[in-house]
């Protein structure tokens, strides 16, 4: 077994064990209020870690300026649109449409 398969097996065991405690009814396991509050920041943190490099470093892919980057323009317009409209599906479709139009025409 090379290092890749050993690492994959180890990550599989760790992931299964962590999830087993949360979903198993045979093991009484309850998180405290401080831990629940701390975990409530996980989703925004992960999403921010995904979109920040795309929006702010996307201009490197298109060989353009930072200000005229379709990633930045679509991101800013989507944020402004999301402040006005609270429908998540409409925001996603709008953002994808703006980005697609910018990539197609510019």
PDB file of N, CA and C in Angstrom:
ATOM      1  N   UNK A   1       0.841  -1.179   0.000  1.00  0.00           N
ATOM      2  CA  UNK A   1       0.000   0.000   0.000  1.00  0.00           C
ATOM      3  C   UNK A   1       0.886   1.242   0.000  1.00  0.00           C
ATOM      4  N   UNK A   2       0.651   2.094  -0.963  1.00  0.00           N
ATOM      5  CA  UNK A   2       1.461   3.315  -0.974  1.00  0.00           C
ATOM      6  C   UNK A   2       0.828   4.382  -0.082  1.00  0.00           C
ATOM      7  N   UNK A   3       1.485   5.521  -0.003  1.00  0.00           N
ATOM      8  CA  UNK A   3       1.062   6.577   0.918  1.00  0.00           C
ATOM      9  C   UNK A   3      -0.327   7.125   0.590  1.00  0.00           C
ATOM     10  N   UNK A   4      -0.673   7.176  -0.688  1.00  0.00           N
ATOM     11  CA  UNK A   4      -1.978   7.710  -1.078  1.00  0.00           C
ATOM     12  C   UNK A   4      -3.102   6.885  -0.480  1.00  0.00           C
ATOM     13  N   UNK A   5      -3.044   5.575  -0.639  1.00  0.00           N
ATOM     14  CA  UNK A   5      -4.125   4.718  -0.144  1.00  0.00           C
ATOM     15  C   UNK A   5      -4.160   4.687   1.375  1.00  0.00           C
ATOM     16  N   UNK A   6      -3.012   4.787   1.992  1.00  0.00           N
ATOM     17  CA  UNK A   6      -2.966   4.836   3.450  1.00  0.00           C
ATOM     18  C   UNK A   6      -3.599   6.127   3.972  1.00  0.00           C
ATOM     19  N   UNK A   7      -3.292   7.238   3.323  1.00  0.00           N
ATOM     20  CA  UNK A   7      -3.892   8.516   3.717  1.00  0.00           C
ATOM     21  C   UNK A   7      -5.397   8.504   3.468  1.00  0.00           C
ATOM     22  N   UNK A   8      -5.822   7.950   2.334  1.00  0.00           N
ATOM     23  CA  UNK A   8      -7.244   7.872   2.020  1.00  0.00           C
ATOM     24  C   UNK A   8      -7.988   7.010   3.041  1.00  0.00           C
ATOM     25  N   UNK A   9      -7.423   5.899   3.411  1.00  0.00           N
ATOM     26  CA  UNK A   9      -8.035   5.027   4.412  1.00  0.00           C
ATOM     27  C   UNK A   9      -8.117   5.732   5.770  1.00  0.00           C
ATOM     28  N   UNK A  10      -7.066   6.443   6.141  1.00  0.00           N
ATOM     29  CA  UNK A  10      -7.077   7.177   7.405  1.00  0.00           C
ATOM     30  C   UNK A  10      -8.122   8.279   7.429  1.00  0.00           C
ATOM     31  N   UNK A  11      -8.232   9.037   6.330  1.00  0.00           N
ATOM     32  CA  UNK A  11      -9.235  10.101   6.263  1.00  0.00           C
ATOM     33  C   UNK A  11     -10.651   9.525   6.271  1.00  0.00           C
ATOM     34  N   UNK A  12     -10.821   8.369   5.637  1.00  0.00           N
ATOM     35  CA  UNK A  12     -12.129   7.716   5.638  1.00  0.00           C
ATOM     36  C   UNK A  12     -12.533   7.312   7.047  1.00  0.00           C
ATOM     37  N   UNK A  13     -11.613   6.739   7.787  1.00  0.00           N
ATOM     38  CA  UNK A  13     -11.911   6.317   9.164  1.00  0.00           C
ATOM     39  C   UNK A  13     -12.227   7.526  10.054  1.00  0.00           C
ATOM     40  N   UNK A  14     -11.468   8.583   9.913  1.00  0.00           N
ATOM     41  CA  UNK A  14     -11.708   9.774  10.728  1.00  0.00           C
ATOM     42  C   UNK A  14     -13.064  10.383  10.403  1.00  0.00           C
ATOM     43  N   UNK A  15     -13.381  10.499   9.120  1.00  0.00           N
ATOM     44  CA  UNK A  15     -14.663  11.081   8.706  1.00  0.00           C
ATOM     45  C   UNK A  15     -15.826  10.231   9.202  1.00  0.00           C
ATOM     46  N   UNK A  16     -15.736   8.912   9.038  1.00  0.00           N
ATOM     47  CA  UNK A  16     -16.815   8.032   9.485  1.00  0.00           C
ATOM     48  C   UNK A  16     -17.014   8.131  10.988  1.00  0.00           C
ATOM     49  N   UNK A  17     -15.932   8.137  11.742  1.00  0.00           N
ATOM     50  CA  UNK A  17     -16.033   8.191  13.202  1.00  0.00           C
ATOM     51  C   UNK A  17     -16.682   9.495  13.663  1.00  0.00           C
ATOM     52  N   UNK A  18     -16.258  10.597  13.079  1.00  0.00           N
ATOM     53  CA  UNK A  18     -16.837  11.895  13.474  1.00  0.00           C
ATOM     54  C   UNK A  18     -18.331  11.949  13.169  1.00  0.00           C
ATOM     55  N   UNK A  19     -18.717  11.480  12.020  1.00  0.00           N
ATOM     56  CA  UNK A  19     -20.134  11.536  11.640  1.00  0.00           C
ATOM     57  C   UNK A  19     -20.969  10.506  12.386  1.00  0.00           C
ATOM     58  N   UNK A  20     -20.367   9.389  12.750  1.00  0.00           N
ATOM     59  CA  UNK A  20     -21.105   8.355  13.470  1.00  0.00           C
ATOM     60  C   UNK A  20     -21.616   8.879  14.808  1.00  0.00           C
ATOM     61  N   UNK A  21     -20.811   9.636  15.507  1.00  0.00           N
ATOM     62  CA  UNK A  21     -21.229  10.149  16.813  1.00  0.00           C
ATOM     63  C   UNK A  21     -22.410  11.106  16.708  1.00  0.00           C
ATOM     64  N   UNK A  22     -22.493  11.864  15.609  1.00  0.00           N
ATOM     65  CA  UNK A  22     -23.592  12.811  15.458  1.00  0.00           C
ATOM     66  C   UNK A  22     -24.893  12.135  15.022  1.00  0.00           C
ATOM     67  N   UNK A  23     -24.799  11.103  14.210  1.00  0.00           N
ATOM     68  CA  UNK A  23     -26.000  10.489  13.642  1.00  0.00           C
ATOM     69  C   UNK A  23     -26.445   9.214  14.358  1.00  0.00           C
ATOM     70  N   UNK A  24     -25.623   8.659  15.184  1.00  0.00           N
ATOM     71  CA  UNK A  24     -25.969   7.422  15.882  1.00  0.00           C
ATOM     72  C   UNK A  24     -26.905   7.721  17.046  1.00  0.00           C
ATOM     73  N   UNK A  25     -27.921   6.887  17.186  1.00  0.00           N
ATOM     74  CA  UNK A  25     -28.837   7.040  18.323  1.00  0.00           C
ATOM     75  C   UNK A  25     -28.389   6.191  19.513  1.00  0.00           C
ATOM     76  N   UNK A  26     -27.465   5.249  19.286  1.00  0.00           N
ATOM     77  CA  UNK A  26     -27.018   4.389  20.377  1.00  0.00           C
ATOM     78  C   UNK A  26     -25.961   5.068  21.255  1.00  0.00           C
ATOM     79  N   UNK A  27     -25.320   6.103  20.740  1.00  0.00           N
ATOM     80  CA  UNK A  27     -24.307   6.821  21.522  1.00  0.00           C
ATOM     81  C   UNK A  27     -24.896   8.167  21.949  1.00  0.00           C
ATOM     82  N   UNK A  28     -25.137   8.351  23.259  1.00  0.00           N
ATOM     83  CA  UNK A  28     -25.678   9.645  23.707  1.00  0.00           C
ATOM     84  C   UNK A  28     -24.594  10.724  23.632  1.00  0.00           C
ATOM     85  N   UNK A  29     -24.742  11.605  22.694  1.00  0.00           N
ATOM     86  CA  UNK A  29     -23.727  12.639  22.465  1.00  0.00           C
ATOM     87  C   UNK A  29     -24.438  13.949  22.184  1.00  0.00           C
ATOM     88  N   UNK A  30     -24.200  14.947  23.009  1.00  0.00           N
ATOM     89  CA  UNK A  30     -24.849  16.245  22.862  1.00  0.00           C
ATOM     90  C   UNK A  30     -23.787  17.335  22.921  1.00  0.00           C
ATOM     91  N   UNK A  31     -23.858  18.242  21.977  1.00  0.00           N
ATOM     92  CA  UNK A  31     -22.916  19.362  21.956  1.00  0.00           C
ATOM     93  C   UNK A  31     -23.400  20.458  22.894  1.00  0.00           C
ATOM     94  N   UNK A  32     -22.459  21.129  23.501  1.00  0.00           N
ATOM     95  CA  UNK A  32     -22.788  22.234  24.385  1.00  0.00           C
ATOM     96  C   UNK A  32     -23.171  23.478  23.588  1.00  0.00           C
ATOM     97  N   UNK A  33     -23.761  24.458  24.251  1.00  0.00           N
ATOM     98  CA  UNK A  33     -24.201  25.667  23.534  1.00  0.00           C
ATOM     99  C   UNK A  33     -23.042  26.471  22.940  1.00  0.00           C
ATOM    100  N   UNK A  34     -21.885  26.481  23.601  1.00  0.00           N
ATOM    101  CA  UNK A  34     -20.743  27.207  23.047  1.00  0.00           C
ATOM    102  C   UNK A  34     -20.231  26.548  21.770  1.00  0.00           C
ATOM    103  N   UNK A  35     -20.203  25.227  21.761  1.00  0.00           N
ATOM    104  CA  UNK A  35     -19.746  24.505  20.568  1.00  0.00           C
ATOM    105  C   UNK A  35     -20.751  24.689  19.426  1.00  0.00           C
ATOM    106  N   UNK A  36     -22.036  24.650  19.735  1.00  0.00           N
ATOM    107  CA  UNK A  36     -23.058  24.877  18.704  1.00  0.00           C
ATOM    108  C   UNK A  36     -22.921  26.281  18.117  1.00  0.00           C
ATOM    109  N   UNK A  37     -22.674  27.251  18.966  1.00  0.00           N
ATOM    110  CA  UNK A  37     -22.500  28.629  18.479  1.00  0.00           C
ATOM    111  C   UNK A  37     -21.250  28.730  17.607  1.00  0.00           C
ATOM    112  N   UNK A  38     -20.172  28.077  18.029  1.00  0.00           N
ATOM    113  CA  UNK A  38     -18.942  28.087  17.252  1.00  0.00           C
ATOM    114  C   UNK A  38     -19.152  27.415  15.891  1.00  0.00           C
ATOM    115  N   UNK A  39     -19.869  26.312  15.860  1.00  0.00           N
ATOM    116  CA  UNK A  39     -20.115  25.605  14.598  1.00  0.00           C
ATOM    117  C   UNK A  39     -21.058  26.362  13.665  1.00  0.00           C
ATOM    118  N   UNK A  40     -21.807  27.326  14.191  1.00  0.00           N
ATOM    119  CA  UNK A  40     -22.701  28.093  13.326  1.00  0.00           C
ATOM    120  C   UNK A  40     -21.923  28.993  12.362  1.00  0.00           C
ATOM    121  N   UNK A  41     -20.660  29.222  12.630  1.00  0.00           N
ATOM    122  CA  UNK A  41     -19.821  30.035  11.743  1.00  0.00           C
ATOM    123  C   UNK A  41     -19.143  29.209  10.657  1.00  0.00           C
ATOM    124  N   UNK A  42     -19.323  27.907  10.656  1.00  0.00           N
ATOM    125  CA  UNK A  42     -18.620  27.052   9.714  1.00  0.00           C
ATOM    126  C   UNK A  42     -19.040  27.297   8.273  1.00  0.00           C
ATOM    127  N   UNK A  43     -20.327  27.310   7.993  1.00  0.00           N
ATOM    128  CA  UNK A  43     -20.787  27.475   6.615  1.00  0.00           C
ATOM    129  C   UNK A  43     -20.367  28.809   6.007  1.00  0.00           C
ATOM    130  N   UNK A  44     -20.555  29.942   6.697  1.00  0.00           N
ATOM    131  CA  UNK A  44     -20.067  31.199   6.102  1.00  0.00           C
ATOM    132  C   UNK A  44     -18.553  31.216   5.890  1.00  0.00           C
ATOM    133  N   UNK A  45     -17.813  30.584   6.784  1.00  0.00           N
ATOM    134  CA  UNK A  45     -16.358  30.556   6.638  1.00  0.00           C
ATOM    135  C   UNK A  45     -15.929  29.738   5.426  1.00  0.00           C
ATOM    136  N   UNK A  46     -16.546  28.593   5.239  1.00  0.00           N
ATOM    137  CA  UNK A  46     -16.199  27.745   4.097  1.00  0.00           C
ATOM    138  C   UNK A  46     -16.597  28.420   2.788  1.00  0.00           C
ATOM    139  N   UNK A  47     -17.774  29.009   2.745  1.00  0.00           N
ATOM    140  CA  UNK A  47     -18.203  29.697   1.525  1.00  0.00           C
ATOM    141  C   UNK A  47     -17.287  30.880   1.210  1.00  0.00           C
ATOM    142  N   UNK A  48     -16.873  31.622   2.222  1.00  0.00           N
ATOM    143  CA  UNK A  48     -15.963  32.746   2.010  1.00  0.00           C
ATOM    144  C   UNK A  48     -14.615  32.254   1.498  1.00  0.00           C
ATOM    145  N   UNK A  49     -14.139  31.159   2.043  1.00  0.00           N
ATOM    146  CA  UNK A  49     -12.868  30.597   1.579  1.00  0.00           C
ATOM    147  C   UNK A  49     -12.952  30.137   0.129  1.00  0.00           C
ATOM    148  N   UNK A  50     -14.149  29.831  -0.353  1.00  0.00           N
ATOM    149  CA  UNK A  50     -14.309  29.411  -1.748  1.00  0.00           C
ATOM    150  C   UNK A  50     -14.434  30.600  -2.693  1.00  0.00           C
ATOM    151  N   UNK A  51     -15.190  31.633  -2.333  1.00  0.00           N
ATOM    152  CA  UNK A  51     -15.442  32.694  -3.308  1.00  0.00           C
ATOM    153  C   UNK A  51     -14.390  33.786  -3.335  1.00  0.00           C
ATOM    154  N   UNK A  52     -13.698  34.034  -2.236  1.00  0.00           N
ATOM    155  CA  UNK A  52     -12.719  35.125  -2.208  1.00  0.00           C
ATOM    156  C   UNK A  52     -11.582  34.918  -3.224  1.00  0.00           C
ATOM    157  N   UNK A  53     -10.954  33.746  -3.298  1.00  0.00           N
ATOM    158  CA  UNK A  53      -9.903  33.592  -4.309  1.00  0.00           C
ATOM    159  C   UNK A  53     -10.431  33.684  -5.748  1.00  0.00           C
ATOM    160  N   UNK A  54     -11.649  33.222  -5.972  1.00  0.00           N
ATOM    161  CA  UNK A  54     -12.203  33.281  -7.324  1.00  0.00           C
ATOM    162  C   UNK A  54     -12.440  34.728  -7.734  1.00  0.00           C
ATOM    163  N   UNK A  55     -13.070  35.500  -6.865  1.00  0.00           N
ATOM    164  CA  UNK A  55     -13.408  36.883  -7.209  1.00  0.00           C
ATOM    165  C   UNK A  55     -12.165  37.764  -7.289  1.00  0.00           C
ATOM    166  N   UNK A  56     -11.260  37.638  -6.331  1.00  0.00           N
ATOM    167  CA  UNK A  56     -10.133  38.562  -6.271  1.00  0.00           C
ATOM    168  C   UNK A  56      -8.900  38.089  -7.038  1.00  0.00           C
ATOM    169  N   UNK A  57      -8.836  36.829  -7.425  1.00  0.00           N
ATOM    170  CA  UNK A  57      -7.699  36.355  -8.207  1.00  0.00           C
ATOM    171  C   UNK A  57      -8.115  35.861  -9.594  1.00  0.00           C
ATOM    172  N   UNK A  58      -9.385  36.000  -9.936  1.00  0.00           N
ATOM    173  CA  UNK A  58      -9.878  35.536 -11.230  1.00  0.00           C
ATOM    174  C   UNK A  58      -9.325  36.314 -12.402  1.00  0.00           C
ATOM    175  N   UNK A  59      -8.906  37.560 -12.162  1.00  0.00           N
ATOM    176  CA  UNK A  59      -8.357  38.370 -13.252  1.00  0.00           C
ATOM    177  C   UNK A  59      -7.051  37.792 -13.787  1.00  0.00           C
ATOM    178  N   UNK A  60      -6.365  36.986 -13.000  1.00  0.00           N
ATOM    179  CA  UNK A  60      -5.116  36.381 -13.453  1.00  0.00           C
ATOM    180  C   UNK A  60      -5.374  35.359 -14.556  1.00  0.00           C
ATOM    181  N   UNK A  61      -6.542  34.723 -14.527  1.00  0.00           N
ATOM    182  CA  UNK A  61      -6.903  33.731 -15.546  1.00  0.00           C
ATOM    183  C   UNK A  61      -7.234  34.392 -16.875  1.00  0.00           C
ATOM    184  N   UNK A  62      -7.883  35.539 -16.826  1.00  0.00           N
ATOM    185  CA  UNK A  62      -8.350  36.182 -18.047  1.00  0.00           C
ATOM    186  C   UNK A  62      -7.359  37.189 -18.616  1.00  0.00           C
ATOM    187  N   UNK A  63      -6.172  37.336 -18.005  1.00  0.00           N
ATOM    188  CA  UNK A  63      -5.130  38.258 -18.468  1.00  0.00           C
ATOM    189  C   UNK A  63      -5.654  39.680 -18.619  1.00  0.00           C
ATOM    190  N   UNK A  64      -6.515  40.097 -17.736  1.00  0.00           N
ATOM    191  CA  UNK A  64      -7.059  41.443 -17.773  1.00  0.00           C
ATOM    192  C   UNK A  64      -6.707  42.197 -16.510  1.00  0.00           C
ATOM    193  N   UNK A  65      -7.239  43.386 -16.414  1.00  0.00           N
ATOM    194  CA  UNK A  65      -7.035  44.189 -15.218  1.00  0.00           C
ATOM    195  C   UNK A  65      -7.949  43.699 -14.104  1.00  0.00           C
ATOM    196  N   UNK A  66      -7.588  44.047 -12.890  1.00  0.00           N
ATOM    197  CA  UNK A  66      -8.382  43.654 -11.733  1.00  0.00           C
ATOM    198  C   UNK A  66      -9.763  44.308 -11.762  1.00  0.00           C
ATOM    199  N   UNK A  67      -9.813  45.590 -12.110  1.00  0.00           N
ATOM    200  CA  UNK A  67     -11.075  46.333 -12.084  1.00  0.00           C
ATOM    201  C   UNK A  67     -12.031  45.860 -13.178  1.00  0.00           C
ATOM    202  N   UNK A  68     -11.514  45.439 -14.314  1.00  0.00           N
ATOM    203  CA  UNK A  68     -12.369  45.003 -15.426  1.00  0.00           C
ATOM    204  C   UNK A  68     -12.565  43.491 -15.443  1.00  0.00           C
ATOM    205  N   UNK A  69     -12.177  42.820 -14.390  1.00  0.00           N
ATOM    206  CA  UNK A  69     -12.328  41.363 -14.315  1.00  0.00           C
ATOM    207  C   UNK A  69     -13.806  40.980 -14.265  1.00  0.00           C
ATOM    208  N   UNK A  70     -14.242  40.034 -15.119  1.00  0.00           N
ATOM    209  CA  UNK A  70     -15.644  39.601 -15.048  1.00  0.00           C
ATOM    210  C   UNK A  70     -15.988  38.935 -13.717  1.00  0.00           C
ATOM    211  N   UNK A  71     -15.003  38.338 -13.070  1.00  0.00           N
ATOM    212  CA  UNK A  71     -15.226  37.721 -11.761  1.00  0.00           C
ATOM    213  C   UNK A  71     -15.588  38.792 -10.730  1.00  0.00           C
ATOM    214  N   UNK A  72     -14.837  39.886 -10.741  1.00  0.00           N
ATOM    215  CA  UNK A  72     -15.087  40.968  -9.783  1.00  0.00           C
ATOM    216  C   UNK A  72     -16.396  41.687 -10.090  1.00  0.00           C
ATOM    217  N   UNK A  73     -16.636  42.006 -11.346  1.00  0.00           N
ATOM    218  CA  UNK A  73     -17.856  42.729 -11.716  1.00  0.00           C
ATOM    219  C   UNK A  73     -19.094  41.892 -11.404  1.00  0.00           C
ATOM    220  N   UNK A  74     -19.071  40.616 -11.778  1.00  0.00           N
ATOM    221  CA  UNK A  74     -20.214  39.742 -11.486  1.00  0.00           C
ATOM    222  C   UNK A  74     -20.387  39.560  -9.981  1.00  0.00           C
ATOM    223  N   UNK A  75     -19.294  39.457  -9.245  1.00  0.00           N
ATOM    224  CA  UNK A  75     -19.383  39.308  -7.796  1.00  0.00           C
ATOM    225  C   UNK A  75     -19.982  40.526  -7.118  1.00  0.00           C
ATOM    226  N   UNK A  76     -19.526  41.703  -7.516  1.00  0.00           N
ATOM    227  CA  UNK A  76     -20.044  42.941  -6.912  1.00  0.00           C
ATOM    228  C   UNK A  76     -21.516  43.140  -7.258  1.00  0.00           C
ATOM    229  N   UNK A  77     -21.896  42.928  -8.522  1.00  0.00           N
ATOM    230  CA  UNK A  77     -23.304  43.094  -8.897  1.00  0.00           C
ATOM    231  C   UNK A  77     -24.194  42.057  -8.221  1.00  0.00           C
ATOM    232  N   UNK A  78     -23.681  40.866  -8.020  1.00  0.00           N
ATOM    233  CA  UNK A  78     -24.466  39.839  -7.329  1.00  0.00           C
ATOM    234  C   UNK A  78     -24.655  40.194  -5.863  1.00  0.00           C
ATOM    235  N   UNK A  79     -23.635  40.726  -5.227  1.00  0.00           N
ATOM    236  CA  UNK A  79     -23.765  41.152  -3.826  1.00  0.00           C
ATOM    237  C   UNK A  79     -24.794  42.274  -3.711  1.00  0.00           C
ATOM    238  N   UNK A  80     -24.734  43.245  -4.610  1.00  0.00           N
ATOM    239  CA  UNK A  80     -25.712  44.346  -4.585  1.00  0.00           C
ATOM    240  C   UNK A  80     -27.121  43.814  -4.811  1.00  0.00           C
ATOM    241  N   UNK A  81     -27.268  42.890  -5.769  1.00  0.00           N
ATOM    242  CA  UNK A  81     -28.573  42.286  -6.048  1.00  0.00           C
ATOM    243  C   UNK A  81     -29.077  41.498  -4.835  1.00  0.00           C
ATOM    244  N   UNK A  82     -28.158  40.809  -4.150  1.00  0.00           N
ATOM    245  CA  UNK A  82     -28.570  40.000  -2.992  1.00  0.00           C
ATOM    246  C   UNK A  82     -29.012  40.857  -1.816  1.00  0.00           C
ATOM    247  N   UNK A  83     -28.527  42.090  -1.745  1.00  0.00           N
ATOM    248  CA  UNK A  83     -28.980  42.987  -0.680  1.00  0.00           C
ATOM    249  C   UNK A  83     -30.411  43.462  -0.920  1.00  0.00           C
ATOM    250  N   UNK A  84     -30.825  43.503  -2.168  1.00  0.00           N
ATOM    251  CA  UNK A  84     -32.178  43.947  -2.519  1.00  0.00           C
ATOM    252  C   UNK A  84     -33.173  42.781  -2.522  1.00  0.00           C
ATOM    253  N   UNK A  85     -32.767  41.647  -3.077  1.00  0.00           N
ATOM    254  CA  UNK A  85     -33.645  40.481  -3.241  1.00  0.00           C
ATOM    255  C   UNK A  85     -33.185  39.394  -2.269  1.00  0.00           C
ATOM    256  N   UNK A  86     -34.101  38.756  -1.591  1.00  0.00           N
ATOM    257  CA  UNK A  86     -33.744  37.723  -0.616  1.00  0.00           C
ATOM    258  C   UNK A  86     -34.024  36.302  -1.123  1.00  0.00           C
ATOM    259  N   UNK A  87     -34.248  36.134  -2.411  1.00  0.00           N
ATOM    260  CA  UNK A  87     -34.510  34.823  -2.999  1.00  0.00           C
ATOM    261  C   UNK A  87     -33.178  34.218  -3.469  1.00  0.00           C
ATOM    262  N   UNK A  88     -32.733  33.150  -2.829  1.00  0.00           N
ATOM    263  CA  UNK A  88     -31.428  32.569  -3.113  1.00  0.00           C
ATOM    264  C   UNK A  88     -31.325  32.064  -4.546  1.00  0.00           C
ATOM    265  N   UNK A  89     -32.344  31.388  -5.029  1.00  0.00           N
ATOM    266  CA  UNK A  89     -32.301  30.866  -6.389  1.00  0.00           C
ATOM    267  C   UNK A  89     -32.201  32.001  -7.410  1.00  0.00           C
ATOM    268  N   UNK A  90     -32.953  33.069  -7.203  1.00  0.00           N
ATOM    269  CA  UNK A  90     -32.889  34.212  -8.116  1.00  0.00           C
ATOM    270  C   UNK A  90     -31.502  34.850  -8.092  1.00  0.00           C
ATOM    271  N   UNK A  91     -30.878  34.907  -6.935  1.00  0.00           N
ATOM    272  CA  UNK A  91     -29.548  35.491  -6.815  1.00  0.00           C
ATOM    273  C   UNK A  91     -28.527  34.639  -7.563  1.00  0.00           C
ATOM    274  N   UNK A  92     -28.604  33.321  -7.397  1.00  0.00           N
ATOM    275  CA  UNK A  92     -27.671  32.423  -8.088  1.00  0.00           C
ATOM    276  C   UNK A  92     -27.839  32.534  -9.596  1.00  0.00           C
ATOM    277  N   UNK A  93     -29.068  32.512 -10.075  1.00  0.00           N
ATOM    278  CA  UNK A  93     -29.322  32.621 -11.515  1.00  0.00           C
ATOM    279  C   UNK A  93     -28.852  33.974 -12.040  1.00  0.00           C
ATOM    280  N   UNK A  94     -29.117  35.037 -11.303  1.00  0.00           N
ATOM    281  CA  UNK A  94     -28.675  36.371 -11.704  1.00  0.00           C
ATOM    282  C   UNK A  94     -27.150  36.438 -11.787  1.00  0.00           C
ATOM    283  N   UNK A  95     -26.468  35.945 -10.767  1.00  0.00           N
ATOM    284  CA  UNK A  95     -25.005  35.982 -10.749  1.00  0.00           C
ATOM    285  C   UNK A  95     -24.396  35.175 -11.882  1.00  0.00           C
ATOM    286  N   UNK A  96     -24.950  33.997 -12.135  1.00  0.00           N
ATOM    287  CA  UNK A  96     -24.448  33.179 -13.231  1.00  0.00           C
ATOM    288  C   UNK A  96     -24.722  33.839 -14.580  1.00  0.00           C
ATOM    289  N   UNK A  97     -25.881  34.468 -14.696  1.00  0.00           N
ATOM    290  CA  UNK A  97     -26.214  35.161 -15.941  1.00  0.00           C
ATOM    291  C   UNK A  97     -25.301  36.341 -16.206  1.00  0.00           C
ATOM    292  N   UNK A  98     -25.048  37.134 -15.183  1.00  0.00           N
ATOM    293  CA  UNK A  98     -24.146  38.285 -15.330  1.00  0.00           C
ATOM    294  C   UNK A  98     -22.743  37.817 -15.689  1.00  0.00           C
ATOM    295  N   UNK A  99     -22.253  36.808 -14.994  1.00  0.00           N
ATOM    296  CA  UNK A  99     -20.911  36.306 -15.283  1.00  0.00           C
ATOM    297  C   UNK A  99     -20.834  35.727 -16.691  1.00  0.00           C
ATOM    298  N   UNK A 100     -21.846  34.944 -17.081  1.00  0.00           N
ATOM    299  CA  UNK A 100     -21.857  34.378 -18.429  1.00  0.00           C
ATOM    300  C   UNK A 100     -21.889  35.443 -19.507  1.00  0.00           C
ATOM    301  N   UNK A 101     -22.692  36.476 -19.292  1.00  0.00           N
ATOM    302  CA  UNK A 101     -22.767  37.567 -20.268  1.00  0.00           C
ATOM    303  C   UNK A 101     -21.441  38.323 -20.353  1.00  0.00           C
ATOM    304  N   UNK A 102     -20.810  38.555 -19.222  1.00  0.00           N
ATOM    305  CA  UNK A 102     -19.522  39.244 -19.236  1.00  0.00           C
ATOM    306  C   UNK A 102     -18.451  38.422 -19.949  1.00  0.00           C
ATOM    307  N   UNK A 103     -18.424  37.109 -19.692  1.00  0.00           N
ATOM    308  CA  UNK A 103     -17.441  36.251 -20.348  1.00  0.00           C
ATOM    309  C   UNK A 103     -17.721  36.133 -21.847  1.00  0.00           C
ATOM    310  N   UNK A 104     -18.991  36.168 -22.228  1.00  0.00           N
ATOM    311  CA  UNK A 104     -19.361  36.003 -23.632  1.00  0.00           C
ATOM    312  C   UNK A 104     -19.086  37.257 -24.446  1.00  0.00           C
ATOM    313  N   UNK A 105     -19.381  38.422 -23.887  1.00  0.00           N
ATOM    314  CA  UNK A 105     -19.296  39.658 -24.662  1.00  0.00           C
ATOM    315  C   UNK A 105     -18.012  40.454 -24.437  1.00  0.00           C
ATOM    316  N   UNK A 106     -17.246  40.135 -23.401  1.00  0.00           N
ATOM    317  CA  UNK A 106     -16.025  40.922 -23.147  1.00  0.00           C
ATOM    318  C   UNK A 106     -14.807  40.061 -23.098  1.00  0.00           C
TER     319      UNK A 106
END
